[in-house]
Amino acid sequence: MSPRARRGRAAARRPPARRRPRTPGSRRRRGDDRLVGFFVATVLAVALVAAVVDWLLTHWWVLVVIGALALPAGGAWLHHKRQQARWEAVRAQGLRYALPQLDALHHARFEEAVRDLMRRDGCRDAVRVGGGGDLGADVKATDPYGRRWVIQCKHRSKGSAGSAVGTPDLQVLNGTARQVHGADVAVIVTNGRVTKPAVTFAQQQRLHVVDRHTLGVWASGSRPLWELLRAVPPPRKPTALS
């Protein structure tokens, strides 16, 4: 048998090396090392802060220069934000849409237009939530009277020539608006037609339908939507407008 073969057989007979178990002492040492490292880092951080403070106290004029520069910058930023908010309010008050404009929109842009109209009416928290899994809510808003609005939008690219909104669309809204979204006012808005059975179902279930005609009046005028709808729930809380 060759020397290499004998070494191989000897290695095969040798029992496997046993790993030394970790002792509580080694774990304790690692914990102590971490504690020491944390303490050293804390001391260094405190020393750095103290050095910076000491330097600033010695060179106090640096703080004066920084304050002199920051004050105008902060004032300019605040003025810009106020001016932007003012322009947004002016834009919202003057927001108008003609029906041909709404017909030409993508369905997502149509939902954004409905959101902007609700903001124009004073619903500052109006938000578009439409998309996959929206559970029948495309726009949510709270009006100045405290009522929660949940709106489902049905855009038709062909306007009144497109497919009509039917009872199944309203059944989706009826099943989720109040139970899931907590609506006080559940509305479906379309730039197209609505079938008579759908209108009847809406009346039975206390849903509100904004058809093409009502949408045209709302979008091109200045009256809030709740003034154009019948049987809207009373205000939830007294406001300056109530």
C-alpha atoms as a PDB file:
ATOM      1  CA  MET A   1       0.000   0.000   0.000  1.00  0.00           C
ATOM      2  CA  SER A   2       1.324   3.373  -0.945  1.00  0.00           C
ATOM      3  CA  PRO A   3       2.083   6.065   1.662  1.00  0.00           C
ATOM      4  CA  ARG A   4      -0.696   8.230   0.252  1.00  0.00           C
ATOM      5  CA  ALA A   5      -3.258   5.439   0.665  1.00  0.00           C
ATOM      6  CA  ARG A   6      -2.118   4.778   4.238  1.00  0.00           C
ATOM      7  CA  ARG A   7      -2.495   8.462   5.115  1.00  0.00           C
ATOM      8  CA  GLY A   8      -6.006   8.436   3.601  1.00  0.00           C
ATOM      9  CA  ARG A   9      -7.048   5.411   5.662  1.00  0.00           C
ATOM     10  CA  ALA A  10      -5.625   6.966   8.817  1.00  0.00           C
ATOM     11  CA  ALA A  11      -7.545  10.156   8.161  1.00  0.00           C
ATOM     12  CA  ALA A  12     -10.724   8.158   7.644  1.00  0.00           C
ATOM     13  CA  ARG A  13     -10.296   6.396  10.988  1.00  0.00           C
ATOM     14  CA  ARG A  14      -9.618   9.663  12.832  1.00  0.00           C
ATOM     15  CA  PRO A  15     -12.751  10.810  14.713  1.00  0.00           C
ATOM     16  CA  PRO A  16     -14.216  14.146  13.587  1.00  0.00           C
ATOM     17  CA  ALA A  17     -13.071  17.195  15.457  1.00  0.00           C
ATOM     18  CA  ARG A  18     -15.539  18.263  18.109  1.00  0.00           C
ATOM     19  CA  ARG A  19     -16.522  21.916  18.204  1.00  0.00           C
ATOM     20  CA  ARG A  20     -15.962  23.528  21.518  1.00  0.00           C
ATOM     21  CA  PRO A  21     -19.246  24.722  22.923  1.00  0.00           C
ATOM     22  CA  ARG A  22     -19.631  28.392  23.550  1.00  0.00           C
ATOM     23  CA  THR A  23     -19.343  29.121  27.217  1.00  0.00           C
ATOM     24  CA  PRO A  24     -21.251  31.740  29.181  1.00  0.00           C
ATOM     25  CA  GLY A  25     -17.907  33.435  29.748  1.00  0.00           C
ATOM     26  CA  SER A  26     -17.369  34.068  26.043  1.00  0.00           C
ATOM     27  CA  ARG A  27     -20.881  35.493  25.634  1.00  0.00           C
ATOM     28  CA  ARG A  28     -20.306  37.707  28.653  1.00  0.00           C
ATOM     29  CA  ARG A  29     -17.044  38.991  27.168  1.00  0.00           C
ATOM     30  CA  ARG A  30     -18.776  39.873  23.901  1.00  0.00           C
ATOM     31  CA  GLY A  31     -21.460  41.715  25.826  1.00  0.00           C
ATOM     32  CA  ASP A  32     -18.809  43.612  27.761  1.00  0.00           C
ATOM     33  CA  ASP A  33     -17.035  44.506  24.500  1.00  0.00           C
ATOM     34  CA  ARG A  34     -20.253  45.938  23.086  1.00  0.00           C
ATOM     35  CA  LEU A  35     -20.864  47.919  26.249  1.00  0.00           C
ATOM     36  CA  VAL A  36     -17.336  49.315  26.168  1.00  0.00           C
ATOM     37  CA  GLY A  37     -17.726  50.228  22.495  1.00  0.00           C
ATOM     38  CA  PHE A  38     -21.016  52.002  23.196  1.00  0.00           C
ATOM     39  CA  PHE A  39     -19.474  53.873  26.123  1.00  0.00           C
ATOM     40  CA  VAL A  40     -16.488  54.983  24.030  1.00  0.00           C
ATOM     41  CA  ALA A  41     -18.772  56.146  21.198  1.00  0.00           C
ATOM     42  CA  THR A  42     -20.909  58.093  23.678  1.00  0.00           C
ATOM     43  CA  VAL A  43     -17.863  59.769  25.221  1.00  0.00           C
ATOM     44  CA  LEU A  44     -16.551  60.740  21.785  1.00  0.00           C
ATOM     45  CA  ALA A  45     -19.950  62.149  20.761  1.00  0.00           C
ATOM     46  CA  VAL A  46     -20.216  64.205  23.943  1.00  0.00           C
ATOM     47  CA  ALA A  47     -16.661  65.455  23.497  1.00  0.00           C
ATOM     48  CA  LEU A  48     -17.405  66.446  19.902  1.00  0.00           C
ATOM     49  CA  VAL A  49     -20.557  68.334  20.893  1.00  0.00           C
ATOM     50  CA  ALA A  50     -18.697  70.089  23.711  1.00  0.00           C
ATOM     51  CA  ALA A  51     -15.911  71.082  21.313  1.00  0.00           C
ATOM     52  CA  VAL A  52     -18.405  72.487  18.804  1.00  0.00           C
ATOM     53  CA  VAL A  53     -20.260  74.420  21.489  1.00  0.00           C
ATOM     54  CA  ASP A  54     -16.995  75.785  22.886  1.00  0.00           C
ATOM     55  CA  TRP A  55     -15.894  76.859  19.401  1.00  0.00           C
ATOM     56  CA  LEU A  56     -19.220  78.595  18.761  1.00  0.00           C
ATOM     57  CA  LEU A  57     -19.022  80.404  22.089  1.00  0.00           C
ATOM     58  CA  THR A  58     -15.570  81.630  21.149  1.00  0.00           C
ATOM     59  CA  HIS A  59     -16.635  82.571  17.612  1.00  0.00           C
ATOM     60  CA  TRP A  60     -20.094  83.895  18.511  1.00  0.00           C
ATOM     61  CA  TRP A  61     -20.176  86.127  15.462  1.00  0.00           C
ATOM     62  CA  VAL A  62     -20.652  82.995  13.296  1.00  0.00           C
ATOM     63  CA  LEU A  63     -24.055  82.468  14.914  1.00  0.00           C
ATOM     64  CA  VAL A  64     -24.941  86.088  14.219  1.00  0.00           C
ATOM     65  CA  VAL A  65     -24.022  85.715  10.541  1.00  0.00           C
ATOM     66  CA  ILE A  66     -25.977  82.442  10.236  1.00  0.00           C
ATOM     67  CA  GLY A  67     -29.023  84.034  11.886  1.00  0.00           C
ATOM     68  CA  ALA A  68     -28.792  87.074   9.632  1.00  0.00           C
ATOM     69  CA  LEU A  69     -28.747  84.826   6.567  1.00  0.00           C
ATOM     70  CA  ALA A  70     -31.415  82.387   7.797  1.00  0.00           C
ATOM     71  CA  LEU A  71     -33.976  85.023   8.747  1.00  0.00           C
ATOM     72  CA  PRO A  72     -34.495  86.443   5.230  1.00  0.00           C
ATOM     73  CA  ALA A  73     -34.394  82.943   3.733  1.00  0.00           C
ATOM     74  CA  GLY A  74     -37.048  81.722   6.151  1.00  0.00           C
ATOM     75  CA  GLY A  75     -39.180  84.772   5.510  1.00  0.00           C
ATOM     76  CA  ALA A  76     -38.920  84.277   1.754  1.00  0.00           C
ATOM     77  CA  TRP A  77     -39.888  80.591   2.087  1.00  0.00           C
ATOM     78  CA  LEU A  78     -42.883  81.456   4.256  1.00  0.00           C
ATOM     79  CA  HIS A  79     -43.989  84.171   1.836  1.00  0.00           C
ATOM     80  CA  HIS A  80     -43.698  81.715  -1.061  1.00  0.00           C
ATOM     81  CA  LYS A  81     -45.852  79.123   0.743  1.00  0.00           C
ATOM     82  CA  ARG A  82     -48.499  81.709   1.580  1.00  0.00           C
ATOM     83  CA  GLN A  83     -48.494  83.039  -1.982  1.00  0.00           C
ATOM     84  CA  GLN A  84     -48.814  79.513  -3.341  1.00  0.00           C
ATOM     85  CA  ALA A  85     -51.742  78.774  -1.024  1.00  0.00           C
ATOM     86  CA  ARG A  86     -53.380  82.040  -2.058  1.00  0.00           C
ATOM     87  CA  TRP A  87     -53.017  81.230  -5.744  1.00  0.00           C
ATOM     88  CA  GLU A  88     -54.375  77.729  -5.161  1.00  0.00           C
ATOM     89  CA  ALA A  89     -57.439  79.222  -3.492  1.00  0.00           C
ATOM     90  CA  VAL A  90     -57.946  81.661  -6.365  1.00  0.00           C
ATOM     91  CA  ARG A  91     -57.533  78.870  -8.920  1.00  0.00           C
ATOM     92  CA  ALA A  92     -59.988  76.639  -7.076  1.00  0.00           C
ATOM     93  CA  GLN A  93     -62.601  79.390  -6.850  1.00  0.00           C
ATOM     94  CA  GLY A  94     -62.322  80.022 -10.564  1.00  0.00           C
ATOM     95  CA  LEU A  95     -62.205  76.359 -11.617  1.00  0.00           C
ATOM     96  CA  ARG A  96     -64.617  75.597 -14.447  1.00  0.00           C
ATOM     97  CA  TYR A  97     -65.017  72.681 -16.851  1.00  0.00           C
ATOM     98  CA  ALA A  98     -67.131  72.434 -19.969  1.00  0.00           C
ATOM     99  CA  LEU A  99     -68.572  69.038 -20.845  1.00  0.00           C
ATOM    100  CA  PRO A 100     -66.418  68.647 -24.003  1.00  0.00           C
ATOM    101  CA  GLN A 101     -63.350  69.161 -21.791  1.00  0.00           C
ATOM    102  CA  LEU A 102     -64.493  66.438 -19.426  1.00  0.00           C
ATOM    103  CA  ASP A 103     -65.292  64.091 -22.312  1.00  0.00           C
ATOM    104  CA  ALA A 104     -61.746  64.452 -23.636  1.00  0.00           C
ATOM    105  CA  LEU A 105     -60.108  63.471 -20.339  1.00  0.00           C
ATOM    106  CA  HIS A 106     -58.579  60.108 -19.480  1.00  0.00           C
ATOM    107  CA  HIS A 107     -60.643  58.356 -16.819  1.00  0.00           C
ATOM    108  CA  ALA A 108     -57.943  59.012 -14.192  1.00  0.00           C
ATOM    109  CA  ARG A 109     -57.874  62.710 -15.101  1.00  0.00           C
ATOM    110  CA  PHE A 110     -61.654  62.734 -14.875  1.00  0.00           C
ATOM    111  CA  GLU A 111     -61.410  61.498 -11.282  1.00  0.00           C
ATOM    112  CA  GLU A 112     -58.875  64.253 -10.558  1.00  0.00           C
ATOM    113  CA  ALA A 113     -61.264  66.831 -12.065  1.00  0.00           C
ATOM    114  CA  VAL A 114     -64.047  65.651  -9.748  1.00  0.00           C
ATOM    115  CA  ARG A 115     -61.620  65.891  -6.814  1.00  0.00           C
ATOM    116  CA  ASP A 116     -60.680  69.453  -7.794  1.00  0.00           C
ATOM    117  CA  LEU A 117     -64.338  70.446  -8.087  1.00  0.00           C
ATOM    118  CA  MET A 118     -64.948  69.159  -4.561  1.00  0.00           C
ATOM    119  CA  ARG A 119     -61.997  71.231  -3.357  1.00  0.00           C
ATOM    120  CA  ARG A 120     -63.476  74.237  -5.145  1.00  0.00           C
ATOM    121  CA  ASP A 121     -66.661  73.658  -3.153  1.00  0.00           C
ATOM    122  CA  GLY A 122     -64.703  73.892   0.101  1.00  0.00           C
ATOM    123  CA  CYS A 123     -63.754  70.256   0.730  1.00  0.00           C
ATOM    124  CA  ARG A 124     -60.127  70.873   1.621  1.00  0.00           C
ATOM    125  CA  ASP A 125     -59.325  67.210   2.256  1.00  0.00           C
ATOM    126  CA  ALA A 126     -60.719  65.958  -1.066  1.00  0.00           C
ATOM    127  CA  VAL A 127     -58.504  63.180  -2.392  1.00  0.00           C
ATOM    128  CA  ARG A 128     -58.528  60.840  -5.367  1.00  0.00           C
ATOM    129  CA  VAL A 129     -58.272  57.207  -4.273  1.00  0.00           C
ATOM    130  CA  GLY A 130     -59.398  55.510  -7.478  1.00  0.00           C
ATOM    131  CA  GLY A 131     -57.441  52.595  -8.871  1.00  0.00           C
ATOM    132  CA  GLY A 132     -57.138  48.866  -8.407  1.00  0.00           C
ATOM    133  CA  GLY A 133     -58.852  47.730  -5.234  1.00  0.00           C
ATOM    134  CA  ASP A 134     -60.581  51.066  -4.556  1.00  0.00           C
ATOM    135  CA  LEU A 135     -63.755  49.212  -3.456  1.00  0.00           C
ATOM    136  CA  GLY A 136     -66.063  51.545  -5.290  1.00  0.00           C
ATOM    137  CA  ALA A 137     -64.529  54.832  -4.101  1.00  0.00           C
ATOM    138  CA  ASP A 138     -62.716  57.084  -6.565  1.00  0.00           C
ATOM    139  CA  VAL A 139     -62.903  60.360  -4.609  1.00  0.00           C
ATOM    140  CA  LYS A 140     -63.364  60.990  -0.882  1.00  0.00           C
ATOM    141  CA  ALA A 141     -64.012  64.365   0.698  1.00  0.00           C
ATOM    142  CA  THR A 142     -65.433  66.087   3.772  1.00  0.00           C
ATOM    143  CA  ASP A 143     -67.583  69.133   3.091  1.00  0.00           C
ATOM    144  CA  PRO A 144     -67.651  72.273   5.284  1.00  0.00           C
ATOM    145  CA  TYR A 145     -70.673  70.827   7.088  1.00  0.00           C
ATOM    146  CA  GLY A 146     -68.769  67.779   8.291  1.00  0.00           C
ATOM    147  CA  ARG A 147     -70.411  65.305   5.910  1.00  0.00           C
ATOM    148  CA  ARG A 148     -68.251  62.561   4.429  1.00  0.00           C
ATOM    149  CA  TRP A 149     -68.612  62.167   0.654  1.00  0.00           C
ATOM    150  CA  VAL A 150     -67.694  59.001  -1.221  1.00  0.00           C
ATOM    151  CA  ILE A 151     -67.835  59.373  -5.001  1.00  0.00           C
ATOM    152  CA  GLN A 152     -67.584  56.777  -7.712  1.00  0.00           C
ATOM    153  CA  CYS A 153     -66.675  58.148 -11.149  1.00  0.00           C
ATOM    154  CA  LYS A 154     -67.827  56.630 -14.435  1.00  0.00           C
ATOM    155  CA  HIS A 155     -66.181  58.335 -17.397  1.00  0.00           C
ATOM    156  CA  ARG A 156     -67.386  57.735 -20.935  1.00  0.00           C
ATOM    157  CA  SER A 157     -65.061  58.879 -23.719  1.00  0.00           C
ATOM    158  CA  LYS A 158     -68.059  59.175 -26.046  1.00  0.00           C
ATOM    159  CA  GLY A 159     -70.101  61.142 -23.539  1.00  0.00           C
ATOM    160  CA  SER A 160     -73.841  60.605 -23.902  1.00  0.00           C
ATOM    161  CA  ALA A 161     -73.185  58.246 -26.840  1.00  0.00           C
ATOM    162  CA  GLY A 162     -71.239  55.860 -24.594  1.00  0.00           C
ATOM    163  CA  SER A 163     -72.612  52.974 -22.580  1.00  0.00           C
ATOM    164  CA  ALA A 164     -75.070  53.939 -19.868  1.00  0.00           C
ATOM    165  CA  VAL A 165     -74.369  53.544 -16.164  1.00  0.00           C
ATOM    166  CA  GLY A 166     -76.574  50.741 -14.902  1.00  0.00           C
ATOM    167  CA  THR A 167     -77.838  49.237 -11.676  1.00  0.00           C
ATOM    168  CA  PRO A 168     -74.761  46.968 -11.179  1.00  0.00           C
ATOM    169  CA  ASP A 169     -72.535  50.055 -10.927  1.00  0.00           C
ATOM    170  CA  LEU A 170     -74.759  51.498  -8.215  1.00  0.00           C
ATOM    171  CA  GLN A 171     -74.892  48.169  -6.398  1.00  0.00           C
ATOM    172  CA  VAL A 172     -71.112  48.288  -5.989  1.00  0.00           C
ATOM    173  CA  LEU A 173     -71.306  51.793  -4.554  1.00  0.00           C
ATOM    174  CA  ASN A 174     -74.196  50.837  -2.280  1.00  0.00           C
ATOM    175  CA  GLY A 175     -72.291  47.842  -0.934  1.00  0.00           C
ATOM    176  CA  THR A 176     -69.146  49.713   0.092  1.00  0.00           C
ATOM    177  CA  ALA A 177     -69.756  53.461   0.422  1.00  0.00           C
ATOM    178  CA  ARG A 178     -71.256  53.422   3.913  1.00  0.00           C
ATOM    179  CA  GLN A 179     -70.096  50.092   5.297  1.00  0.00           C
ATOM    180  CA  VAL A 180     -66.466  50.297   4.136  1.00  0.00           C
ATOM    181  CA  HIS A 181     -65.774  54.012   3.596  1.00  0.00           C
ATOM    182  CA  GLY A 182     -68.101  55.553   6.200  1.00  0.00           C
ATOM    183  CA  ALA A 183     -69.972  57.755   3.738  1.00  0.00           C
ATOM    184  CA  ASP A 184     -72.686  60.179   4.741  1.00  0.00           C
ATOM    185  CA  VAL A 185     -73.284  60.966   1.074  1.00  0.00           C
ATOM    186  CA  ALA A 186     -72.702  58.288  -1.580  1.00  0.00           C
ATOM    187  CA  VAL A 187     -72.562  59.636  -5.131  1.00  0.00           C
ATOM    188  CA  ILE A 188     -71.945  58.300  -8.615  1.00  0.00           C
ATOM    189  CA  VAL A 189     -70.751  60.864 -11.162  1.00  0.00           C
ATOM    190  CA  THR A 190     -70.754  60.287 -14.901  1.00  0.00           C
ATOM    191  CA  ASN A 191     -70.405  62.332 -18.057  1.00  0.00           C
ATOM    192  CA  GLY A 192     -72.678  59.825 -19.773  1.00  0.00           C
ATOM    193  CA  ARG A 193     -76.187  58.428 -19.397  1.00  0.00           C
ATOM    194  CA  VAL A 194     -77.828  56.598 -16.507  1.00  0.00           C
ATOM    195  CA  THR A 195     -80.502  53.960 -17.005  1.00  0.00           C
ATOM    196  CA  LYS A 196     -83.954  54.453 -15.479  1.00  0.00           C
ATOM    197  CA  PRO A 197     -83.682  51.283 -13.350  1.00  0.00           C
ATOM    198  CA  ALA A 198     -80.397  52.625 -11.966  1.00  0.00           C
ATOM    199  CA  VAL A 199     -82.057  55.936 -11.052  1.00  0.00           C
ATOM    200  CA  THR A 200     -84.874  54.058  -9.317  1.00  0.00           C
ATOM    201  CA  PHE A 201     -82.403  51.885  -7.421  1.00  0.00           C
ATOM    202  CA  ALA A 202     -80.462  54.973  -6.340  1.00  0.00           C
ATOM    203  CA  GLN A 203     -83.611  56.579  -4.927  1.00  0.00           C
ATOM    204  CA  GLN A 204     -84.499  53.411  -3.047  1.00  0.00           C
ATOM    205  CA  GLN A 205     -81.025  53.079  -1.505  1.00  0.00           C
ATOM    206  CA  ARG A 206     -80.464  56.793  -0.723  1.00  0.00           C
ATOM    207  CA  LEU A 207     -77.714  57.097  -3.339  1.00  0.00           C
ATOM    208  CA  HIS A 208     -77.143  60.234  -5.394  1.00  0.00           C
ATOM    209  CA  VAL A 209     -76.664  60.285  -9.154  1.00  0.00           C
ATOM    210  CA  VAL A 210     -74.826  63.079 -10.939  1.00  0.00           C
ATOM    211  CA  ASP A 211     -75.659  62.499 -14.593  1.00  0.00           C
ATOM    212  CA  ARG A 212     -74.339  64.384 -17.587  1.00  0.00           C
ATOM    213  CA  HIS A 213     -76.758  67.281 -17.191  1.00  0.00           C
ATOM    214  CA  THR A 214     -76.097  67.766 -13.478  1.00  0.00           C
ATOM    215  CA  LEU A 215     -72.358  67.394 -14.030  1.00  0.00           C
ATOM    216  CA  GLY A 216     -72.462  70.115 -16.689  1.00  0.00           C
ATOM    217  CA  VAL A 217     -74.220  72.526 -14.319  1.00  0.00           C
ATOM    218  CA  TRP A 218     -71.856  71.709 -11.456  1.00  0.00           C
ATOM    219  CA  ALA A 219     -68.585  71.816 -13.423  1.00  0.00           C
ATOM    220  CA  SER A 220     -69.330  74.998 -15.376  1.00  0.00           C
ATOM    221  CA  GLY A 221     -70.875  76.968 -12.520  1.00  0.00           C
ATOM    222  CA  SER A 222     -69.989  77.978  -8.994  1.00  0.00           C
ATOM    223  CA  ARG A 223     -72.636  76.263  -6.868  1.00  0.00           C
ATOM    224  CA  PRO A 224     -71.426  73.433  -4.622  1.00  0.00           C
ATOM    225  CA  LEU A 225     -72.626  69.944  -5.432  1.00  0.00           C
ATOM    226  CA  TRP A 226     -74.831  69.618  -2.324  1.00  0.00           C
ATOM    227  CA  GLU A 227     -76.945  72.521  -3.567  1.00  0.00           C
ATOM    228  CA  LEU A 228     -77.660  70.641  -6.794  1.00  0.00           C
ATOM    229  CA  LEU A 229     -78.686  67.340  -5.197  1.00  0.00           C
ATOM    230  CA  ARG A 230     -81.914  66.477  -3.418  1.00  0.00           C
ATOM    231  CA  ALA A 231     -82.273  64.858  -0.008  1.00  0.00           C
ATOM    232  CA  VAL A 232     -78.666  65.407   1.071  1.00  0.00           C
ATOM    233  CA  PRO A 233     -78.217  64.514   4.770  1.00  0.00           C
ATOM    234  CA  PRO A 234     -78.222  67.440   7.218  1.00  0.00           C
ATOM    235  CA  PRO A 235     -74.929  68.868   8.490  1.00  0.00           C
ATOM    236  CA  ARG A 236     -73.055  66.740  11.013  1.00  0.00           C
ATOM    237  CA  LYS A 237     -71.693  69.776  12.853  1.00  0.00           C
ATOM    238  CA  PRO A 238     -72.421  73.505  12.906  1.00  0.00           C
ATOM    239  CA  THR A 239     -70.066  75.570  10.783  1.00  0.00           C
ATOM    240  CA  ALA A 240     -69.683  79.149   9.635  1.00  0.00           C
ATOM    241  CA  LEU A 241     -71.582  78.154   6.482  1.00  0.00           C
ATOM    242  CA  SER A 242     -74.485  76.461   8.256  1.00  0.00           C
END
